[in-house]
Structures are given as C-alpha cells and as structure tokens.
C-alpha cells in the first residue's frame, strides 16, 4: 500500500492583493478539508513576510491526493489563480512510510479533533 503523502511549500503574492487571496484560500481550504483521505490541509500567511502563503498538506495515500488534484474545486481554484500574480512559488509532494519521528506531541495528533 501507498504511504502517506506530505505536501509542503509556499507561494508569494503581492502583499496588496492578499485580502483577495485570504477570502478565496479560506473557501478552497474548507472544501479540500472535507475530502476523503485529507488528513490536513492548511494555507497560512507568514507572520513576517507580507504576501507569503505557506502550504501544508497530509493525505492518506496517493489515490486521495490524486482525487483532490483532479477535483472540480481545483479547476475553480486554478482559474482564480490565473488572474492573481505570483512572484514565486514552490510546492513539493513527498511519499512517506510510517508516522514519522515525533518532535512534539501534546494531546491528539488528529487535526479534525481540534476545536476552532
């Protein structure tokens, strides 16, 4: 069986455009987080670099990630992104075996169990 998929990266947008991104990113993240096999999906603004958005994802397996990438929500999001200039970006996908080496573990590791 496939191992878990970890996605890590960033995109850099114009700081002045970030309010537009923030609204659209929140909608997109909510849709993705509800998908089967999505263990975690986060898009977050860097606290020190205006317009830098960190991307962090965990997928149960490659099939779940592939379903996400082929989904209608991605087509809609990609259409939005065509009109939003990025000055830099790098997002990579990694397949991993096992649960990784714990660097910090307090309480539940299931992100869906955390309250807002």
PDB file of N, CA and C in Angstrom:
ATOM      1  N   UNK A   1       0.826  -1.204   0.000  1.00  0.00           N
ATOM      2  CA  UNK A   1       0.000   0.000   0.000  1.00  0.00           C
ATOM      3  C   UNK A   1       0.865   1.262   0.000  1.00  0.00           C
ATOM      4  N   UNK A   2       0.306   2.304  -0.590  1.00  0.00           N
ATOM      5  CA  UNK A   2       0.993   3.598  -0.608  1.00  0.00           C
ATOM      6  C   UNK A   2       1.159   4.123   0.806  1.00  0.00           C
ATOM      7  N   UNK A   3       2.215   4.897   1.011  1.00  0.00           N
ATOM      8  CA  UNK A   3       2.395   5.590   2.269  1.00  0.00           C
ATOM      9  C   UNK A   3       1.659   6.924   2.243  1.00  0.00           C
ATOM     10  N   UNK A   4       1.693   7.603   3.359  1.00  0.00           N
ATOM     11  CA  UNK A   4       1.088   8.920   3.476  1.00  0.00           C
ATOM     12  C   UNK A   4       1.806   9.904   2.541  1.00  0.00           C
ATOM     13  N   UNK A   5       1.059  10.887   2.045  1.00  0.00           N
ATOM     14  CA  UNK A   5       1.621  11.933   1.203  1.00  0.00           C
ATOM     15  C   UNK A   5       1.683  13.223   2.021  1.00  0.00           C
ATOM     16  N   UNK A   6       2.866  13.826   2.043  1.00  0.00           N
ATOM     17  CA  UNK A   6       3.086  15.118   2.701  1.00  0.00           C
ATOM     18  C   UNK A   6       3.371  16.131   1.598  1.00  0.00           C
ATOM     19  N   UNK A   7       2.710  17.269   1.649  1.00  0.00           N
ATOM     20  CA  UNK A   7       2.940  18.349   0.696  1.00  0.00           C
ATOM     21  C   UNK A   7       3.383  19.563   1.495  1.00  0.00           C
ATOM     22  N   UNK A   8       4.451  20.193   1.041  1.00  0.00           N
ATOM     23  CA  UNK A   8       4.983  21.364   1.729  1.00  0.00           C
ATOM     24  C   UNK A   8       5.458  22.376   0.697  1.00  0.00           C
ATOM     25  N   UNK A   9       5.220  23.645   0.948  1.00  0.00           N
ATOM     26  CA  UNK A   9       5.713  24.659   0.032  1.00  0.00           C
ATOM     27  C   UNK A   9       5.169  26.034   0.349  1.00  0.00           C
ATOM     28  N   UNK A  10       5.298  26.917  -0.646  1.00  0.00           N
ATOM     29  CA  UNK A  10       4.850  28.299  -0.462  1.00  0.00           C
ATOM     30  C   UNK A  10       4.511  28.913  -1.814  1.00  0.00           C
ATOM     31  N   UNK A  11       3.716  29.973  -1.755  1.00  0.00           N
ATOM     32  CA  UNK A  11       3.537  30.873  -2.887  1.00  0.00           C
ATOM     33  C   UNK A  11       3.700  32.292  -2.363  1.00  0.00           C
ATOM     34  N   UNK A  12       4.239  33.159  -3.188  1.00  0.00           N
ATOM     35  CA  UNK A  12       4.438  34.569  -2.817  1.00  0.00           C
ATOM     36  C   UNK A  12       3.598  35.402  -3.752  1.00  0.00           C
ATOM     37  N   UNK A  13       2.716  36.209  -3.177  1.00  0.00           N
ATOM     38  CA  UNK A  13       1.829  37.085  -3.939  1.00  0.00           C
ATOM     39  C   UNK A  13       2.091  38.533  -3.515  1.00  0.00           C
ATOM     40  N   UNK A  14       1.544  39.449  -4.263  1.00  0.00           N
ATOM     41  CA  UNK A  14       1.665  40.856  -3.896  1.00  0.00           C
ATOM     42  C   UNK A  14       0.940  41.085  -2.570  1.00  0.00           C
ATOM     43  N   UNK A  15       1.604  41.737  -1.639  1.00  0.00           N
ATOM     44  CA  UNK A  15       1.002  41.976  -0.325  1.00  0.00           C
ATOM     45  C   UNK A  15      -0.327  42.720  -0.459  1.00  0.00           C
ATOM     46  N   UNK A  16      -0.413  43.638  -1.417  1.00  0.00           N
ATOM     47  CA  UNK A  16      -1.638  44.419  -1.610  1.00  0.00           C
ATOM     48  C   UNK A  16      -2.810  43.550  -2.056  1.00  0.00           C
ATOM     49  N   UNK A  17      -2.524  42.405  -2.683  1.00  0.00           N
ATOM     50  CA  UNK A  17      -3.575  41.503  -3.165  1.00  0.00           C
ATOM     51  C   UNK A  17      -3.988  40.468  -2.131  1.00  0.00           C
ATOM     52  N   UNK A  18      -3.319  40.456  -0.985  1.00  0.00           N
ATOM     53  CA  UNK A  18      -3.531  39.336  -0.070  1.00  0.00           C
ATOM     54  C   UNK A  18      -4.962  39.232   0.449  1.00  0.00           C
ATOM     55  N   UNK A  19      -5.667  40.330   0.619  1.00  0.00           N
ATOM     56  CA  UNK A  19      -7.057  40.260   1.100  1.00  0.00           C
ATOM     57  C   UNK A  19      -7.906  39.416   0.145  1.00  0.00           C
ATOM     58  N   UNK A  20      -7.680  39.542  -1.174  1.00  0.00           N
ATOM     59  CA  UNK A  20      -8.414  38.736  -2.157  1.00  0.00           C
ATOM     60  C   UNK A  20      -8.060  37.254  -1.984  1.00  0.00           C
ATOM     61  N   UNK A  21      -6.792  36.988  -1.795  1.00  0.00           N
ATOM     62  CA  UNK A  21      -6.344  35.615  -1.594  1.00  0.00           C
ATOM     63  C   UNK A  21      -6.937  35.025  -0.325  1.00  0.00           C
ATOM     64  N   UNK A  22      -6.922  35.785   0.749  1.00  0.00           N
ATOM     65  CA  UNK A  22      -7.372  35.269   2.039  1.00  0.00           C
ATOM     66  C   UNK A  22      -8.793  34.723   1.952  1.00  0.00           C
ATOM     67  N   UNK A  23      -9.693  35.463   1.348  1.00  0.00           N
ATOM     68  CA  UNK A  23     -11.085  35.011   1.218  1.00  0.00           C
ATOM     69  C   UNK A  23     -11.169  33.733   0.382  1.00  0.00           C
ATOM     70  N   UNK A  24     -10.468  33.718  -0.744  1.00  0.00           N
ATOM     71  CA  UNK A  24     -10.541  32.575  -1.655  1.00  0.00           C
ATOM     72  C   UNK A  24      -9.833  31.354  -1.066  1.00  0.00           C
ATOM     73  N   UNK A  25      -8.717  31.572  -0.369  1.00  0.00           N
ATOM     74  CA  UNK A  25      -7.996  30.467   0.250  1.00  0.00           C
ATOM     75  C   UNK A  25      -8.833  29.801   1.336  1.00  0.00           C
ATOM     76  N   UNK A  26      -9.556  30.591   2.109  1.00  0.00           N
ATOM     77  CA  UNK A  26     -10.399  30.033   3.174  1.00  0.00           C
ATOM     78  C   UNK A  26     -11.492  29.149   2.579  1.00  0.00           C
ATOM     79  N   UNK A  27     -12.122  29.584   1.507  1.00  0.00           N
ATOM     80  CA  UNK A  27     -13.158  28.793   0.833  1.00  0.00           C
ATOM     81  C   UNK A  27     -12.562  27.501   0.273  1.00  0.00           C
ATOM     82  N   UNK A  28     -11.427  27.631  -0.397  1.00  0.00           N
ATOM     83  CA  UNK A  28     -10.776  26.465  -1.005  1.00  0.00           C
ATOM     84  C   UNK A  28     -10.358  25.459   0.078  1.00  0.00           C
ATOM     85  N   UNK A  29      -9.742  25.937   1.135  1.00  0.00           N
ATOM     86  CA  UNK A  29      -9.280  25.043   2.205  1.00  0.00           C
ATOM     87  C   UNK A  29     -10.452  24.289   2.831  1.00  0.00           C
ATOM     88  N   UNK A  30     -11.564  24.965   3.060  1.00  0.00           N
ATOM     89  CA  UNK A  30     -12.731  24.305   3.656  1.00  0.00           C
ATOM     90  C   UNK A  30     -13.234  23.181   2.766  1.00  0.00           C
ATOM     91  N   UNK A  31     -13.246  23.399   1.457  1.00  0.00           N
ATOM     92  CA  UNK A  31     -13.692  22.356   0.532  1.00  0.00           C
ATOM     93  C   UNK A  31     -12.724  21.172   0.536  1.00  0.00           C
ATOM     94  N   UNK A  32     -11.428  21.450   0.526  1.00  0.00           N
ATOM     95  CA  UNK A  32     -10.433  20.385   0.477  1.00  0.00           C
ATOM     96  C   UNK A  32     -10.430  19.578   1.778  1.00  0.00           C
ATOM     97  N   UNK A  33     -10.548  20.261   2.900  1.00  0.00           N
ATOM     98  CA  UNK A  33     -10.514  19.583   4.198  1.00  0.00           C
ATOM     99  C   UNK A  33     -11.637  18.560   4.348  1.00  0.00           C
ATOM    100  N   UNK A  34     -12.716  18.725   3.604  1.00  0.00           N
ATOM    101  CA  UNK A  34     -13.853  17.805   3.682  1.00  0.00           C
ATOM    102  C   UNK A  34     -13.683  16.568   2.792  1.00  0.00           C
ATOM    103  N   UNK A  35     -12.628  16.515   1.994  1.00  0.00           N
ATOM    104  CA  UNK A  35     -12.438  15.400   1.069  1.00  0.00           C
ATOM    105  C   UNK A  35     -11.991  14.129   1.787  1.00  0.00           C
ATOM    106  N   UNK A  36     -12.432  12.984   1.256  1.00  0.00           N
ATOM    107  CA  UNK A  36     -11.999  11.699   1.775  1.00  0.00           C
ATOM    108  C   UNK A  36     -10.487  11.572   1.609  1.00  0.00           C
ATOM    109  N   UNK A  37      -9.813  11.185   2.661  1.00  0.00           N
ATOM    110  CA  UNK A  37      -8.371  10.986   2.606  1.00  0.00           C
ATOM    111  C   UNK A  37      -7.550  12.200   2.957  1.00  0.00           C
ATOM    112  N   UNK A  38      -8.198  13.365   3.133  1.00  0.00           N
ATOM    113  CA  UNK A  38      -7.476  14.566   3.539  1.00  0.00           C
ATOM    114  C   UNK A  38      -7.293  14.524   5.055  1.00  0.00           C
ATOM    115  N   UNK A  39      -6.065  14.418   5.486  1.00  0.00           N
ATOM    116  CA  UNK A  39      -5.767  14.370   6.914  1.00  0.00           C
ATOM    117  C   UNK A  39      -5.461  15.761   7.459  1.00  0.00           C
ATOM    118  N   UNK A  40      -5.003  16.658   6.590  1.00  0.00           N
ATOM    119  CA  UNK A  40      -4.707  18.030   6.990  1.00  0.00           C
ATOM    120  C   UNK A  40      -4.453  18.854   5.735  1.00  0.00           C
ATOM    121  N   UNK A  41      -4.993  20.063   5.694  1.00  0.00           N
ATOM    122  CA  UNK A  41      -4.786  20.964   4.559  1.00  0.00           C
ATOM    123  C   UNK A  41      -4.801  22.379   5.107  1.00  0.00           C
ATOM    124  N   UNK A  42      -3.670  23.065   4.990  1.00  0.00           N
ATOM    125  CA  UNK A  42      -3.556  24.405   5.554  1.00  0.00           C
ATOM    126  C   UNK A  42      -2.883  25.347   4.578  1.00  0.00           C
ATOM    127  N   UNK A  43      -3.439  26.520   4.465  1.00  0.00           N
ATOM    128  CA  UNK A  43      -2.858  27.611   3.698  1.00  0.00           C
ATOM    129  C   UNK A  43      -2.793  28.789   4.671  1.00  0.00           C
ATOM    130  N   UNK A  44      -1.580  29.249   4.980  1.00  0.00           N
ATOM    131  CA  UNK A  44      -1.432  30.247   6.035  1.00  0.00           C
ATOM    132  C   UNK A  44      -0.467  31.346   5.632  1.00  0.00           C
ATOM    133  N   UNK A  45      -0.822  32.573   5.981  1.00  0.00           N
ATOM    134  CA  UNK A  45       0.043  33.720   5.711  1.00  0.00           C
ATOM    135  C   UNK A  45       1.214  33.729   6.689  1.00  0.00           C
ATOM    136  N   UNK A  46       2.406  33.969   6.176  1.00  0.00           N
ATOM    137  CA  UNK A  46       3.591  34.080   7.022  1.00  0.00           C
ATOM    138  C   UNK A  46       3.471  35.332   7.881  1.00  0.00           C
ATOM    139  N   UNK A  47       3.862  35.233   9.145  1.00  0.00           N
ATOM    140  CA  UNK A  47       3.727  36.383  10.050  1.00  0.00           C
ATOM    141  C   UNK A  47       4.787  37.450   9.814  1.00  0.00           C
ATOM    142  N   UNK A  48       5.860  37.132   9.105  1.00  0.00           N
ATOM    143  CA  UNK A  48       6.926  38.100   8.930  1.00  0.00           C
ATOM    144  C   UNK A  48       7.165  38.580   7.511  1.00  0.00           C
ATOM    145  N   UNK A  49       6.585  37.884   6.517  1.00  0.00           N
ATOM    146  CA  UNK A  49       6.818  38.261   5.120  1.00  0.00           C
ATOM    147  C   UNK A  49       5.467  38.508   4.454  1.00  0.00           C
ATOM    148  N   UNK A  50       5.100  39.764   4.239  1.00  0.00           N
ATOM    149  CA  UNK A  50       3.795  40.067   3.634  1.00  0.00           C
ATOM    150  C   UNK A  50       3.623  39.383   2.277  1.00  0.00           C
ATOM    151  N   UNK A  51       2.473  38.724   2.105  1.00  0.00           N
ATOM    152  CA  UNK A  51       2.150  38.069   0.842  1.00  0.00           C
ATOM    153  C   UNK A  51       2.702  36.664   0.688  1.00  0.00           C
ATOM    154  N   UNK A  52       3.414  36.150   1.688  1.00  0.00           N
ATOM    155  CA  UNK A  52       3.931  34.780   1.609  1.00  0.00           C
ATOM    156  C   UNK A  52       2.909  33.831   2.225  1.00  0.00           C
ATOM    157  N   UNK A  53       2.495  32.835   1.463  1.00  0.00           N
ATOM    158  CA  UNK A  53       1.494  31.866   1.896  1.00  0.00           C
ATOM    159  C   UNK A  53       2.150  30.491   1.984  1.00  0.00           C
ATOM    160  N   UNK A  54       2.099  29.897   3.160  1.00  0.00           N
ATOM    161  CA  UNK A  54       2.653  28.560   3.372  1.00  0.00           C
ATOM    162  C   UNK A  54       1.581  27.518   3.069  1.00  0.00           C
ATOM    163  N   UNK A  55       1.960  26.466   2.385  1.00  0.00           N
ATOM    164  CA  UNK A  55       1.071  25.363   2.020  1.00  0.00           C
ATOM    165  C   UNK A  55       1.541  24.125   2.778  1.00  0.00           C
ATOM    166  N   UNK A  56       0.620  23.468   3.477  1.00  0.00           N
ATOM    167  CA  UNK A  56       0.947  22.258   4.221  1.00  0.00           C
ATOM    168  C   UNK A  56      -0.225  21.289   4.102  1.00  0.00           C
ATOM    169  N   UNK A  57       0.065  20.070   3.640  1.00  0.00           N
ATOM    170  CA  UNK A  57      -0.990  19.073   3.439  1.00  0.00           C
ATOM    171  C   UNK A  57      -0.513  17.706   3.899  1.00  0.00           C
ATOM    172  N   UNK A  58      -1.473  16.869   4.335  1.00  0.00           N
ATOM    173  CA  UNK A  58      -1.228  15.447   4.595  1.00  0.00           C
ATOM    174  C   UNK A  58      -2.381  14.676   3.994  1.00  0.00           C
ATOM    175  N   UNK A  59      -2.057  13.676   3.175  1.00  0.00           N
ATOM    176  CA  UNK A  59      -3.055  12.837   2.521  1.00  0.00           C
ATOM    177  C   UNK A  59      -2.854  11.388   2.931  1.00  0.00           C
ATOM    178  N   UNK A  60      -3.937  10.659   3.090  1.00  0.00           N
ATOM    179  CA  UNK A  60      -3.878   9.251   3.485  1.00  0.00           C
ATOM    180  C   UNK A  60      -2.982   8.448   2.543  1.00  0.00           C
ATOM    181  N   UNK A  61      -3.103   8.729   1.230  1.00  0.00           N
ATOM    182  CA  UNK A  61      -2.332   8.000   0.229  1.00  0.00           C
ATOM    183  C   UNK A  61      -2.362   8.768  -1.086  1.00  0.00           C
ATOM    184  N   UNK A  62      -1.640   8.239  -2.064  1.00  0.00           N
ATOM    185  CA  UNK A  62      -1.528   8.906  -3.357  1.00  0.00           C
ATOM    186  C   UNK A  62      -2.880   8.988  -4.077  1.00  0.00           C
ATOM    187  N   UNK A  63      -3.728   7.985  -3.913  1.00  0.00           N
ATOM    188  CA  UNK A  63      -5.044   7.993  -4.554  1.00  0.00           C
ATOM    189  C   UNK A  63      -5.908   9.145  -4.034  1.00  0.00           C
ATOM    190  N   UNK A  64      -5.866   9.397  -2.735  1.00  0.00           N
ATOM    191  CA  UNK A  64      -6.640  10.505  -2.163  1.00  0.00           C
ATOM    192  C   UNK A  64      -6.121  11.844  -2.676  1.00  0.00           C
ATOM    193  N   UNK A  65      -4.808  11.979  -2.752  1.00  0.00           N
ATOM    194  CA  UNK A  65      -4.224  13.215  -3.281  1.00  0.00           C
ATOM    195  C   UNK A  65      -4.598  13.388  -4.753  1.00  0.00           C
ATOM    196  N   UNK A  66      -4.548  12.308  -5.526  1.00  0.00           N
ATOM    197  CA  UNK A  66      -4.879  12.376  -6.949  1.00  0.00           C
ATOM    198  C   UNK A  66      -6.333  12.791  -7.154  1.00  0.00           C
ATOM    199  N   UNK A  67      -7.243  12.282  -6.321  1.00  0.00           N
ATOM    200  CA  UNK A  67      -8.658  12.664  -6.419  1.00  0.00           C
ATOM    201  C   UNK A  67      -8.822  14.157  -6.140  1.00  0.00           C
ATOM    202  N   UNK A  68      -8.091  14.658  -5.168  1.00  0.00           N
ATOM    203  CA  UNK A  68      -8.112  16.097  -4.851  1.00  0.00           C
ATOM    204  C   UNK A  68      -7.630  16.904  -6.058  1.00  0.00           C
ATOM    205  N   UNK A  69      -6.500  16.527  -6.621  1.00  0.00           N
ATOM    206  CA  UNK A  69      -5.921  17.290  -7.731  1.00  0.00           C
ATOM    207  C   UNK A  69      -6.806  17.268  -8.975  1.00  0.00           C
ATOM    208  N   UNK A  70      -7.608  16.214  -9.137  1.00  0.00           N
ATOM    209  CA  UNK A  70      -8.491  16.095 -10.299  1.00  0.00           C
ATOM    210  C   UNK A  70      -9.880  16.676 -10.051  1.00  0.00           C
ATOM    211  N   UNK A  71     -10.147  17.141  -8.840  1.00  0.00           N
ATOM    212  CA  UNK A  71     -11.485  17.611  -8.481  1.00  0.00           C
ATOM    213  C   UNK A  71     -11.875  18.938  -9.104  1.00  0.00           C
ATOM    214  N   UNK A  72     -13.181  19.160  -9.222  1.00  0.00           N
ATOM    215  CA  UNK A  72     -13.710  20.420  -9.759  1.00  0.00           C
ATOM    216  C   UNK A  72     -13.227  21.622  -8.955  1.00  0.00           C
ATOM    217  N   UNK A  73     -13.085  21.447  -7.644  1.00  0.00           N
ATOM    218  CA  UNK A  73     -12.643  22.549  -6.789  1.00  0.00           C
ATOM    219  C   UNK A  73     -11.257  23.036  -7.196  1.00  0.00           C
ATOM    220  N   UNK A  74     -10.396  22.128  -7.685  1.00  0.00           N
ATOM    221  CA  UNK A  74      -9.055  22.532  -8.124  1.00  0.00           C
ATOM    222  C   UNK A  74      -9.127  23.308  -9.437  1.00  0.00           C
ATOM    223  N   UNK A  75     -10.017  22.895 -10.328  1.00  0.00           N
ATOM    224  CA  UNK A  75     -10.198  23.647 -11.571  1.00  0.00           C
ATOM    225  C   UNK A  75     -10.646  25.068 -11.285  1.00  0.00           C
ATOM    226  N   UNK A  76     -11.589  25.217 -10.361  1.00  0.00           N
ATOM    227  CA  UNK A  76     -12.080  26.547  -9.983  1.00  0.00           C
ATOM    228  C   UNK A  76     -10.970  27.367  -9.338  1.00  0.00           C
ATOM    229  N   UNK A  77     -10.201  26.735  -8.459  1.00  0.00           N
ATOM    230  CA  UNK A  77      -9.121  27.445  -7.781  1.00  0.00           C
ATOM    231  C   UNK A  77      -8.030  27.854  -8.783  1.00  0.00           C
ATOM    232  N   UNK A  78      -7.714  26.975  -9.716  1.00  0.00           N
ATOM    233  CA  UNK A  78      -6.700  27.302 -10.721  1.00  0.00           C
ATOM    234  C   UNK A  78      -7.153  28.450 -11.619  1.00  0.00           C
ATOM    235  N   UNK A  79      -8.441  28.523 -11.916  1.00  0.00           N
ATOM    236  CA  UNK A  79      -8.970  29.663 -12.683  1.00  0.00           C
ATOM    237  C   UNK A  79      -8.769  30.963 -11.909  1.00  0.00           C
ATOM    238  N   UNK A  80      -9.046  30.938 -10.616  1.00  0.00           N
ATOM    239  CA  UNK A  80      -8.827  32.106  -9.764  1.00  0.00           C
ATOM    240  C   UNK A  80      -7.351  32.498  -9.792  1.00  0.00           C
ATOM    241  N   UNK A  81      -6.467  31.513  -9.652  1.00  0.00           N
ATOM    242  CA  UNK A  81      -5.030  31.785  -9.562  1.00  0.00           C
ATOM    243  C   UNK A  81      -4.461  32.349 -10.864  1.00  0.00           C
ATOM    244  N   UNK A  82      -5.078  32.049 -12.004  1.00  0.00           N
ATOM    245  CA  UNK A  82      -4.604  32.591 -13.289  1.00  0.00           C
ATOM    246  C   UNK A  82      -4.612  34.109 -13.294  1.00  0.00           C
ATOM    247  N   UNK A  83      -5.504  34.696 -12.514  1.00  0.00           N
ATOM    248  CA  UNK A  83      -5.663  36.149 -12.506  1.00  0.00           C
ATOM    249  C   UNK A  83      -4.988  36.812 -11.313  1.00  0.00           C
ATOM    250  N   UNK A  84      -4.268  36.042 -10.529  1.00  0.00           N
ATOM    251  CA  UNK A  84      -3.606  36.567  -9.347  1.00  0.00           C
ATOM    252  C   UNK A  84      -2.101  36.370  -9.506  1.00  0.00           C
ATOM    253  N   UNK A  85      -1.361  37.431  -9.703  1.00  0.00           N
ATOM    254  CA  UNK A  85       0.073  37.280  -9.962  1.00  0.00           C
ATOM    255  C   UNK A  85       0.843  36.741  -8.761  1.00  0.00           C
ATOM    256  N   UNK A  86       1.726  35.780  -9.045  1.00  0.00           N
ATOM    257  CA  UNK A  86       2.637  35.241  -8.037  1.00  0.00           C
ATOM    258  C   UNK A  86       4.047  35.642  -8.446  1.00  0.00           C
ATOM    259  N   UNK A  87       4.866  36.039  -7.471  1.00  0.00           N
ATOM    260  CA  UNK A  87       6.255  36.369  -7.783  1.00  0.00           C
ATOM    261  C   UNK A  87       7.176  35.179  -7.536  1.00  0.00           C
ATOM    262  N   UNK A  88       6.704  34.189  -6.786  1.00  0.00           N
ATOM    263  CA  UNK A  88       7.500  32.993  -6.512  1.00  0.00           C
ATOM    264  C   UNK A  88       6.567  31.900  -6.015  1.00  0.00           C
ATOM    265  N   UNK A  89       7.026  30.672  -6.138  1.00  0.00           N
ATOM    266  CA  UNK A  89       6.250  29.557  -5.610  1.00  0.00           C
ATOM    267  C   UNK A  89       7.015  28.261  -5.738  1.00  0.00           C
ATOM    268  N   UNK A  90       6.836  27.416  -4.752  1.00  0.00           N
ATOM    269  CA  UNK A  90       7.446  26.087  -4.778  1.00  0.00           C
ATOM    270  C   UNK A  90       6.603  25.208  -3.859  1.00  0.00           C
ATOM    271  N   UNK A  91       6.015  24.161  -4.418  1.00  0.00           N
ATOM    272  CA  UNK A  91       5.226  23.215  -3.642  1.00  0.00           C
ATOM    273  C   UNK A  91       5.669  21.816  -4.069  1.00  0.00           C
ATOM    274  N   UNK A  92       6.047  20.986  -3.116  1.00  0.00           N
ATOM    275  CA  UNK A  92       6.526  19.644  -3.421  1.00  0.00           C
ATOM    276  C   UNK A  92       5.723  18.610  -2.646  1.00  0.00           C
ATOM    277  N   UNK A  93       5.595  17.417  -3.245  1.00  0.00           N
ATOM    278  CA  UNK A  93       4.861  16.308  -2.657  1.00  0.00           C
ATOM    279  C   UNK A  93       5.849  15.193  -2.319  1.00  0.00           C
ATOM    280  N   UNK A  94       5.696  14.619  -1.119  1.00  0.00           N
ATOM    281  CA  UNK A  94       6.593  13.563  -0.656  1.00  0.00           C
ATOM    282  C   UNK A  94       5.772  12.382  -0.163  1.00  0.00           C
ATOM    283  N   UNK A  95       6.149  11.190  -0.559  1.00  0.00           N
ATOM    284  CA  UNK A  95       5.508   9.983  -0.049  1.00  0.00           C
ATOM    285  C   UNK A  95       6.353   9.461   1.099  1.00  0.00           C
ATOM    286  N   UNK A  96       5.718   9.194   2.240  1.00  0.00           N
ATOM    287  CA  UNK A  96       6.455   8.756   3.427  1.00  0.00           C
ATOM    288  C   UNK A  96       5.855   7.468   3.974  1.00  0.00           C
ATOM    289  N   UNK A  97       6.676   6.713   4.643  1.00  0.00           N
ATOM    290  CA  UNK A  97       6.229   5.484   5.302  1.00  0.00           C
ATOM    291  C   UNK A  97       6.211   5.721   6.800  1.00  0.00           C
ATOM    292  N   UNK A  98       5.298   5.101   7.487  1.00  0.00           N
ATOM    293  CA  UNK A  98       5.236   5.230   8.940  1.00  0.00           C
ATOM    294  C   UNK A  98       4.694   6.575   9.382  1.00  0.00           C
ATOM    295  N   UNK A  99       4.801   6.837  10.664  1.00  0.00           N
ATOM    296  CA  UNK A  99       4.240   8.046  11.250  1.00  0.00           C
ATOM    297  C   UNK A  99       5.247   9.169  11.423  1.00  0.00           C
ATOM    298  N   UNK A 100       6.479   8.954  11.011  1.00  0.00           N
ATOM    299  CA  UNK A 100       7.493   9.988  11.180  1.00  0.00           C
ATOM    300  C   UNK A 100       8.065   9.975  12.591  1.00  0.00           C
ATOM    301  N   UNK A 101       9.048  10.805  12.803  1.00  0.00           N
ATOM    302  CA  UNK A 101       9.678  10.938  14.110  1.00  0.00           C
ATOM    303  C   UNK A 101       9.049  12.114  14.834  1.00  0.00           C
ATOM    304  N   UNK A 102       8.496  11.867  15.999  1.00  0.00           N
ATOM    305  CA  UNK A 102       7.828  12.924  16.748  1.00  0.00           C
ATOM    306  C   UNK A 102       8.839  13.937  17.274  1.00  0.00           C
ATOM    307  N   UNK A 103       8.592  15.203  16.999  1.00  0.00           N
ATOM    308  CA  UNK A 103       9.395  16.292  17.545  1.00  0.00           C
ATOM    309  C   UNK A 103       8.649  16.972  18.688  1.00  0.00           C
ATOM    310  N   UNK A 104       7.322  16.908  18.629  1.00  0.00           N
ATOM    311  CA  UNK A 104       6.464  17.438  19.682  1.00  0.00           C
ATOM    312  C   UNK A 104       5.158  16.680  19.609  1.00  0.00           C
ATOM    313  N   UNK A 105       4.669  16.251  20.742  1.00  0.00           N
ATOM    314  CA  UNK A 105       3.387  15.550  20.765  1.00  0.00           C
ATOM    315  C   UNK A 105       2.702  15.862  22.078  1.00  0.00           C
ATOM    316  N   UNK A 106       1.632  16.649  21.978  1.00  0.00           N
ATOM    317  CA  UNK A 106       0.816  17.007  23.134  1.00  0.00           C
ATOM    318  C   UNK A 106      -0.630  16.807  22.729  1.00  0.00           C
ATOM    319  N   UNK A 107      -1.357  16.001  23.442  1.00  0.00           N
ATOM    320  CA  UNK A 107      -2.760  15.769  23.116  1.00  0.00           C
ATOM    321  C   UNK A 107      -2.919  14.956  21.828  1.00  0.00           C
ATOM    322  N   UNK A 108      -4.046  15.124  21.161  1.00  0.00           N
ATOM    323  CA  UNK A 108      -4.386  14.341  19.984  1.00  0.00           C
ATOM    324  C   UNK A 108      -3.586  14.810  18.778  1.00  0.00           C
ATOM    325  N   UNK A 109      -3.161  13.873  17.931  1.00  0.00           N
ATOM    326  CA  UNK A 109      -2.499  14.242  16.682  1.00  0.00           C
ATOM    327  C   UNK A 109      -3.497  14.316  15.525  1.00  0.00           C
ATOM    328  N   UNK A 110      -4.773  14.108  15.806  1.00  0.00           N
ATOM    329  CA  UNK A 110      -5.818  14.187  14.782  1.00  0.00           C
ATOM    330  C   UNK A 110      -6.323  15.627  14.707  1.00  0.00           C
ATOM    331  N   UNK A 111      -5.938  16.331  13.647  1.00  0.00           N
ATOM    332  CA  UNK A 111      -6.277  17.747  13.495  1.00  0.00           C
ATOM    333  C   UNK A 111      -7.779  17.981  13.469  1.00  0.00           C
ATOM    334  N   UNK A 112      -8.561  16.972  13.035  1.00  0.00           N
ATOM    335  CA  UNK A 112     -10.007  17.149  12.962  1.00  0.00           C
ATOM    336  C   UNK A 112     -10.649  17.183  14.340  1.00  0.00           C
ATOM    337  N   UNK A 113      -9.904  16.770  15.359  1.00  0.00           N
ATOM    338  CA  UNK A 113     -10.438  16.753  16.723  1.00  0.00           C
ATOM    339  C   UNK A 113     -10.231  18.076  17.461  1.00  0.00           C
ATOM    340  N   UNK A 114      -9.512  19.007  16.851  1.00  0.00           N
ATOM    341  CA  UNK A 114      -9.251  20.299  17.499  1.00  0.00           C
ATOM    342  C   UNK A 114     -10.440  21.223  17.313  1.00  0.00           C
ATOM    343  N   UNK A 115     -10.770  21.962  18.345  1.00  0.00           N
ATOM    344  CA  UNK A 115     -11.884  22.915  18.239  1.00  0.00           C
ATOM    345  C   UNK A 115     -11.372  24.237  17.691  1.00  0.00           C
ATOM    346  N   UNK A 116     -12.272  24.956  17.069  1.00  0.00           N
ATOM    347  CA  UNK A 116     -11.920  26.244  16.457  1.00  0.00           C
ATOM    348  C   UNK A 116     -11.758  27.295  17.519  1.00  0.00           C
TER     349      UNK A 116
END
